[in-house]
Amino acid sequence: MHNVKKLSASAREIAAEKSRARAENYNALSREALKCRKDSKFDAASLDATQAVLSLNSDFATLWGFRREVLRALHPDSGDATKDAASRRAACENEFKLTQECLTANPKSYPVWFHRTWVVEWGRTDWQWKMELKLTA
């Protein structure tokens, strides 16, 4: 290609090895997160596993859906909207932080925007609207 510096054979091998290592790491993290989903593990470890993968690939819609399932299981509806909103605030703040990081890397990722919208509705986050308007303006 034009204006692309030609790499030596050893430099190409080093780059290929780094790429293989990154791919193996991503595959291992993905397998772990999908195993949690398959085993229906709705706990904090599942959230950690999905976060590790989504930080690398924010377009993995299946894992965003699994995160929603885990959040619903960890913070079920009690019938009292005020109590639900209070108990979900910390979880919502974590989700907003994760989605913000993902949107910084990939601002046009539909699964991230969908998940963020879901968190706003699920968490009854009236306190977050000002930030949401800044983010989309």
Protein backbone atom coordinates (compact mmCIF):
# COMPACT_ATOMS: atom_id res chain seq x y z
CA MET A 1 0.00 0.00 0.00
CA HIS A 2 1.06 3.58 -0.48
CA ASN A 3 2.80 5.44 2.31
CA VAL A 4 2.79 2.45 4.63
CA LYS A 5 6.12 1.61 6.17
CA LYS A 6 7.21 -1.92 5.32
CA LEU A 7 7.83 -4.05 8.38
CA SER A 8 10.63 -6.54 8.69
CA ALA A 9 9.77 -10.20 9.05
CA SER A 10 10.54 -10.17 12.77
CA ALA A 11 8.39 -7.07 13.34
CA ARG A 12 5.50 -8.74 11.47
CA GLU A 13 5.88 -11.86 13.64
CA ILE A 14 5.84 -9.77 16.83
CA ALA A 15 2.71 -7.91 15.66
CA ALA A 16 1.03 -11.21 14.73
CA GLU A 17 1.87 -12.70 18.15
CA LYS A 18 0.40 -9.67 19.93
CA SER A 19 -2.72 -9.98 17.82
CA ARG A 20 -3.03 -13.69 18.61
CA ALA A 21 -2.61 -13.02 22.34
CA ARG A 22 -5.32 -10.34 22.27
CA ALA A 23 -7.66 -12.67 20.37
CA GLU A 24 -7.05 -15.53 22.82
CA ASN A 25 -7.70 -13.21 25.76
CA TYR A 26 -10.94 -11.95 24.21
CA ASN A 27 -12.10 -15.49 23.42
CA ALA A 28 -11.40 -16.65 26.98
CA LEU A 29 -13.31 -13.69 28.46
CA SER A 30 -16.22 -14.24 26.06
CA ARG A 31 -16.42 -17.95 26.88
CA GLU A 32 -16.49 -17.15 30.60
CA ALA A 33 -19.29 -14.59 30.21
CA LEU A 34 -21.34 -16.83 27.93
CA LYS A 35 -20.89 -19.74 30.35
CA CYS A 36 -22.37 -17.58 33.11
CA ARG A 37 -25.32 -16.88 30.82
CA LYS A 38 -25.74 -20.55 29.91
CA ASP A 39 -25.62 -21.54 33.60
CA SER A 40 -28.11 -18.76 34.50
CA LYS A 41 -25.74 -17.27 37.07
CA PHE A 42 -27.33 -13.98 38.09
CA ASP A 43 -24.69 -12.57 40.41
CA ALA A 44 -21.99 -9.91 40.68
CA ALA A 45 -19.43 -12.25 39.11
CA SER A 46 -21.57 -12.38 35.96
CA LEU A 47 -21.65 -8.60 35.85
CA ASP A 48 -17.86 -8.54 36.17
CA ALA A 49 -17.44 -11.12 33.41
CA THR A 50 -19.70 -9.25 31.01
CA GLN A 51 -18.04 -5.94 31.83
CA ALA A 52 -14.63 -7.36 30.91
CA VAL A 53 -15.90 -8.40 27.48
CA LEU A 54 -18.01 -5.32 26.82
CA SER A 55 -15.05 -3.07 27.60
CA LEU A 56 -13.29 -4.71 24.66
CA ASN A 57 -16.30 -5.09 22.33
CA SER A 58 -19.27 -2.87 23.11
CA ASP A 59 -21.35 -4.25 20.21
CA PHE A 60 -21.90 -7.66 21.87
CA ALA A 61 -25.69 -7.28 22.20
CA THR A 62 -26.18 -10.72 23.78
CA LEU A 63 -24.09 -9.71 26.79
CA TRP A 64 -25.94 -6.41 27.22
CA GLY A 65 -29.17 -8.40 27.35
CA PHE A 66 -27.64 -10.76 29.89
CA ARG A 67 -26.58 -7.77 32.03
CA ARG A 68 -30.22 -6.62 32.04
CA GLU A 69 -31.33 -10.08 33.19
CA VAL A 70 -28.74 -10.06 35.98
CA LEU A 71 -29.73 -6.57 37.12
CA ARG A 72 -33.41 -7.54 37.21
CA ALA A 73 -32.54 -10.62 39.29
CA LEU A 74 -30.32 -8.71 41.72
CA HIS A 75 -32.80 -5.84 42.13
CA PRO A 76 -36.34 -7.24 41.71
CA ASP A 77 -39.46 -5.08 41.76
CA SER A 78 -40.87 -4.73 45.25
CA GLY A 79 -43.99 -2.82 44.28
CA ASP A 80 -42.78 0.38 45.93
CA ALA A 81 -41.34 2.66 43.20
CA THR A 82 -39.48 4.90 45.66
CA LYS A 83 -37.84 1.96 47.42
CA ASP A 84 -36.93 0.35 44.07
CA ALA A 85 -35.31 3.55 42.78
CA ALA A 86 -33.25 3.92 45.94
CA SER A 87 -32.01 0.33 45.90
CA ARG A 88 -31.11 0.51 42.22
CA ARG A 89 -29.18 3.78 42.30
CA ALA A 90 -25.72 2.25 42.85
CA ALA A 91 -26.34 -0.34 40.13
CA CYS A 92 -27.49 2.40 37.75
CA GLU A 93 -24.43 4.51 38.49
CA ASN A 94 -22.20 1.53 37.63
CA GLU A 95 -24.12 0.96 34.40
CA PHE A 96 -23.88 4.64 33.44
CA LYS A 97 -20.13 4.54 34.04
CA LEU A 98 -19.71 1.42 31.89
CA THR A 99 -21.88 2.73 29.07
CA GLN A 100 -20.06 6.08 29.16
CA GLU A 101 -16.72 4.30 28.73
CA CYS A 102 -18.11 2.21 25.88
CA LEU A 103 -19.63 5.23 24.16
CA THR A 104 -16.34 7.09 24.42
CA ALA A 105 -14.69 4.28 22.45
CA ASN A 106 -17.63 3.69 20.08
CA PRO A 107 -20.22 6.51 20.12
CA LYS A 108 -22.46 4.88 17.49
CA SER A 109 -22.91 1.54 19.22
CA TYR A 110 -26.63 0.81 19.17
CA PRO A 111 -26.53 -1.89 21.91
CA VAL A 112 -24.83 0.53 24.31
CA TRP A 113 -27.39 3.29 23.67
CA PHE A 114 -30.25 0.82 24.04
CA HIS A 115 -28.86 -0.46 27.35
CA ARG A 116 -28.34 3.07 28.64
CA THR A 117 -31.94 3.97 27.76
CA TRP A 118 -33.15 0.83 29.52
CA VAL A 119 -31.16 1.74 32.66
CA VAL A 120 -32.73 5.22 32.73
CA GLU A 121 -36.23 3.70 32.59
CA TRP A 122 -35.59 0.68 34.84
CA GLY A 123 -33.76 2.62 37.51
CA ARG A 124 -36.24 5.52 37.58
CA THR A 125 -33.26 7.84 37.39
CA ASP A 126 -34.74 11.33 37.57
CA TRP A 127 -31.40 12.47 38.99
CA GLN A 128 -29.63 11.48 35.75
CA TRP A 129 -31.63 13.47 33.19
CA LYS A 130 -29.35 16.51 33.21
CA MET A 131 -26.34 14.34 32.35
CA GLU A 132 -28.29 12.48 29.65
CA LEU A 133 -29.19 15.76 27.97
CA LYS A 134 -25.55 16.89 28.07
CA LEU A 135 -24.45 13.56 26.58
CA THR A 136 -26.85 13.74 23.63
CA ALA A 137 -26.61 17.48 22.92
